[in-house]
Every structure is written in structure tokens, then in C-alpha cells.
Amino acid sequence: MWRIWKLYDPLRAMAIQGIFLFGLAAMIHLILLSSVRFNWLDGMSQAQYKAKTGSGAGSATPPAAPATK
């Protein structure tokens, strides 16, 4: 293991890892903020979302299929 750290500077490796993880976290948060369901800043409340989608918390049956003629 010590031979790996002779090839790479530990301080630089940790700084690059920190920058990468911060960028990954920012990307994940921006993706979630762009969705209606997981937007916690400007999104609907949970009750409004359930009323719009028709999904209940304890609903075990799937929604009915539309009637065909």
C-alpha cells in the first residue's frame, strides 16, 4: 500500500476526491430538484401530489385501467 502513496500525493488525492464527491452530490441534488415529486423547494406538498397522482399511502391495489370500447 505504501508504494501507491509514493506514486500519488495523498493531499492532492484527497482534494481531488473531495471535489469529485462535492460535484456528484451537487449533480444528484440538482436532478432531484428538477423533478416534481422530489422538489423540496418549490414543489407541491405531499397531499397535493397524492391528490394529483391519485396514489394513496395505503393503497395496495393498482389503479384501474381505462375502459376500452
N, C-alpha and C. Protein backbone atom coordinates (compact mmCIF):
# COMPACT_ATOMS: atom_id res chain seq x y z
N MET A 1 0.83 -1.20 0.00
CA MET A 1 0.00 0.00 0.00
C MET A 1 0.87 1.26 0.00
N TRP A 2 2.00 1.20 0.68
CA TRP A 2 2.84 2.39 0.76
C TRP A 2 3.42 2.75 -0.59
N ARG A 3 3.52 1.78 -1.48
CA ARG A 3 4.06 2.08 -2.82
C ARG A 3 3.08 2.92 -3.64
N ILE A 4 1.78 2.73 -3.39
CA ILE A 4 0.77 3.53 -4.09
C ILE A 4 0.91 5.00 -3.69
N TRP A 5 1.13 5.24 -2.38
CA TRP A 5 1.24 6.62 -1.91
C TRP A 5 2.57 7.25 -2.28
N LYS A 6 3.53 6.44 -2.72
CA LYS A 6 4.77 7.02 -3.27
C LYS A 6 4.53 7.53 -4.69
N LEU A 7 3.52 6.97 -5.37
CA LEU A 7 3.19 7.42 -6.73
C LEU A 7 2.29 8.65 -6.70
N TYR A 8 1.36 8.72 -5.74
CA TYR A 8 0.38 9.81 -5.68
C TYR A 8 0.59 10.61 -4.40
N ASP A 9 0.42 11.90 -4.51
CA ASP A 9 0.47 12.77 -3.34
C ASP A 9 -0.85 12.62 -2.58
N PRO A 10 -0.82 12.21 -1.31
CA PRO A 10 -2.07 11.99 -0.55
C PRO A 10 -2.93 13.24 -0.45
N LEU A 11 -2.33 14.39 -0.27
CA LEU A 11 -3.09 15.63 -0.14
C LEU A 11 -3.82 15.94 -1.45
N ARG A 12 -3.15 15.77 -2.56
CA ARG A 12 -3.78 16.02 -3.86
C ARG A 12 -4.88 14.99 -4.13
N ALA A 13 -4.63 13.72 -3.78
CA ALA A 13 -5.64 12.68 -4.00
C ALA A 13 -6.90 12.95 -3.18
N MET A 14 -6.73 13.38 -1.93
CA MET A 14 -7.90 13.67 -1.09
C MET A 14 -8.63 14.92 -1.57
N ALA A 15 -7.88 15.90 -2.05
CA ALA A 15 -8.53 17.11 -2.58
C ALA A 15 -9.33 16.78 -3.83
N ILE A 16 -8.77 16.00 -4.73
CA ILE A 16 -9.50 15.60 -5.95
C ILE A 16 -10.72 14.77 -5.60
N GLN A 17 -10.58 13.87 -4.63
CA GLN A 17 -11.72 13.06 -4.20
C GLN A 17 -12.82 13.93 -3.60
N GLY A 18 -12.45 14.92 -2.80
CA GLY A 18 -13.43 15.82 -2.21
C GLY A 18 -14.15 16.64 -3.26
N ILE A 19 -13.41 17.13 -4.26
CA ILE A 19 -14.03 17.89 -5.34
C ILE A 19 -14.99 17.01 -6.14
N PHE A 20 -14.57 15.78 -6.42
CA PHE A 20 -15.42 14.84 -7.16
C PHE A 20 -16.70 14.54 -6.38
N LEU A 21 -16.58 14.26 -5.08
CA LEU A 21 -17.76 13.92 -4.29
C LEU A 21 -18.70 15.12 -4.14
N PHE A 22 -18.15 16.33 -4.01
CA PHE A 22 -18.99 17.52 -3.94
C PHE A 22 -19.73 17.72 -5.26
N GLY A 23 -19.03 17.53 -6.37
CA GLY A 23 -19.69 17.65 -7.68
C GLY A 23 -20.78 16.61 -7.88
N LEU A 24 -20.52 15.38 -7.44
CA LEU A 24 -21.52 14.32 -7.54
C LEU A 24 -22.75 14.64 -6.69
N ALA A 25 -22.53 15.11 -5.48
CA ALA A 25 -23.65 15.47 -4.60
C ALA A 25 -24.46 16.62 -5.19
N ALA A 26 -23.78 17.62 -5.74
CA ALA A 26 -24.48 18.75 -6.35
C ALA A 26 -25.30 18.29 -7.55
N MET A 27 -24.75 17.39 -8.36
CA MET A 27 -25.47 16.89 -9.53
C MET A 27 -26.72 16.11 -9.10
N ILE A 28 -26.59 15.27 -8.09
CA ILE A 28 -27.74 14.49 -7.61
C ILE A 28 -28.82 15.42 -7.07
N HIS A 29 -28.43 16.43 -6.31
CA HIS A 29 -29.42 17.37 -5.77
C HIS A 29 -30.10 18.16 -6.87
N LEU A 30 -29.37 18.57 -7.89
CA LEU A 30 -29.99 19.31 -8.99
C LEU A 30 -30.95 18.43 -9.79
N ILE A 31 -30.61 17.16 -9.95
CA ILE A 31 -31.52 16.24 -10.64
C ILE A 31 -32.80 16.07 -9.83
N LEU A 32 -32.67 15.92 -8.52
CA LEU A 32 -33.86 15.78 -7.69
C LEU A 32 -34.70 17.05 -7.68
N LEU A 33 -34.05 18.21 -7.67
CA LEU A 33 -34.79 19.47 -7.68
C LEU A 33 -35.52 19.69 -9.00
N SER A 34 -35.07 19.05 -10.06
CA SER A 34 -35.73 19.24 -11.35
C SER A 34 -36.97 18.36 -11.50
N SER A 35 -37.19 17.42 -10.58
CA SER A 35 -38.38 16.58 -10.66
C SER A 35 -39.51 17.17 -9.81
N VAL A 36 -40.74 16.88 -10.20
CA VAL A 36 -41.89 17.40 -9.47
C VAL A 36 -42.03 16.71 -8.12
N ARG A 37 -41.79 15.42 -8.10
CA ARG A 37 -42.01 14.65 -6.89
C ARG A 37 -41.01 14.97 -5.78
N PHE A 38 -39.75 15.21 -6.13
CA PHE A 38 -38.71 15.38 -5.12
C PHE A 38 -38.21 16.81 -4.98
N ASN A 39 -38.91 17.79 -5.56
CA ASN A 39 -38.51 19.19 -5.42
C ASN A 39 -39.00 19.70 -4.08
N TRP A 40 -38.09 19.85 -3.13
CA TRP A 40 -38.46 20.26 -1.79
C TRP A 40 -38.48 21.77 -1.63
N LEU A 41 -38.03 22.52 -2.63
CA LEU A 41 -38.03 23.97 -2.53
C LEU A 41 -39.29 24.60 -3.09
N ASP A 42 -39.69 24.19 -4.29
CA ASP A 42 -40.79 24.84 -4.97
C ASP A 42 -41.89 23.85 -5.35
N GLY A 43 -41.77 22.62 -4.90
CA GLY A 43 -42.69 21.58 -5.31
C GLY A 43 -44.00 21.62 -4.56
N MET A 44 -44.86 20.69 -4.92
CA MET A 44 -46.16 20.57 -4.26
C MET A 44 -45.99 19.92 -2.90
N SER A 45 -46.98 20.11 -2.05
CA SER A 45 -46.96 19.38 -0.79
C SER A 45 -47.30 17.92 -1.08
N GLN A 46 -47.07 17.08 -0.11
CA GLN A 46 -47.31 15.66 -0.31
C GLN A 46 -48.80 15.39 -0.56
N ALA A 47 -49.68 16.11 0.11
CA ALA A 47 -51.11 15.92 -0.09
C ALA A 47 -51.53 16.33 -1.50
N GLN A 48 -50.97 17.44 -1.98
CA GLN A 48 -51.29 17.88 -3.34
C GLN A 48 -50.77 16.87 -4.38
N TYR A 49 -49.57 16.33 -4.14
CA TYR A 49 -49.01 15.36 -5.07
C TYR A 49 -49.86 14.09 -5.11
N LYS A 50 -50.30 13.60 -3.94
CA LYS A 50 -51.13 12.40 -3.90
C LYS A 50 -52.48 12.64 -4.55
N ALA A 51 -53.05 13.84 -4.36
CA ALA A 51 -54.33 14.15 -4.98
C ALA A 51 -54.19 14.22 -6.50
N LYS A 52 -53.07 14.75 -6.95
CA LYS A 52 -52.86 14.88 -8.40
C LYS A 52 -52.62 13.53 -9.05
N THR A 53 -51.80 12.68 -8.40
CA THR A 53 -51.47 11.38 -9.00
C THR A 53 -52.48 10.30 -8.65
N GLY A 54 -53.26 10.51 -7.61
CA GLY A 54 -54.26 9.52 -7.23
C GLY A 54 -53.69 8.34 -6.47
N SER A 55 -52.49 8.47 -5.96
CA SER A 55 -51.89 7.36 -5.21
C SER A 55 -52.08 7.60 -3.73
N GLY A 56 -52.67 6.65 -3.06
CA GLY A 56 -52.87 6.73 -1.63
C GLY A 56 -51.73 6.06 -0.90
N ALA A 57 -51.58 6.38 0.38
CA ALA A 57 -50.46 5.83 1.15
C ALA A 57 -50.66 4.34 1.39
N GLY A 58 -51.88 3.91 1.67
CA GLY A 58 -52.12 2.51 1.99
C GLY A 58 -52.74 1.73 0.84
N SER A 59 -52.70 2.26 -0.33
CA SER A 59 -53.33 1.62 -1.47
C SER A 59 -52.52 0.43 -1.94
N ALA A 60 -53.11 -0.77 -1.83
CA ALA A 60 -52.41 -1.98 -2.25
C ALA A 60 -52.82 -2.39 -3.66
N THR A 61 -53.91 -1.85 -4.16
CA THR A 61 -54.37 -2.22 -5.49
C THR A 61 -53.90 -1.19 -6.50
N PRO A 62 -53.50 -1.64 -7.68
CA PRO A 62 -53.07 -0.69 -8.70
C PRO A 62 -54.26 0.08 -9.25
N PRO A 63 -54.03 1.24 -9.85
CA PRO A 63 -55.15 1.99 -10.42
C PRO A 63 -55.80 1.20 -11.56
N ALA A 64 -57.10 1.42 -11.70
CA ALA A 64 -57.85 0.70 -12.73
C ALA A 64 -57.43 1.15 -14.12
N ALA A 65 -57.46 0.21 -15.05
CA ALA A 65 -57.13 0.52 -16.43
C ALA A 65 -58.31 1.31 -17.07
N PRO A 66 -58.02 2.18 -18.00
CA PRO A 66 -59.12 2.92 -18.64
C PRO A 66 -60.03 1.98 -19.44
N ALA A 67 -61.29 2.32 -19.45
CA ALA A 67 -62.27 1.48 -20.16
C ALA A 67 -62.06 1.57 -21.67
N THR A 68 -62.14 0.43 -22.34
CA THR A 68 -61.99 0.41 -23.80
C THR A 68 -63.34 0.04 -24.41
N LYS A 69 -63.58 0.56 -25.59
CA LYS A 69 -64.86 0.29 -26.27
C LYS A 69 -64.69 -0.73 -27.36
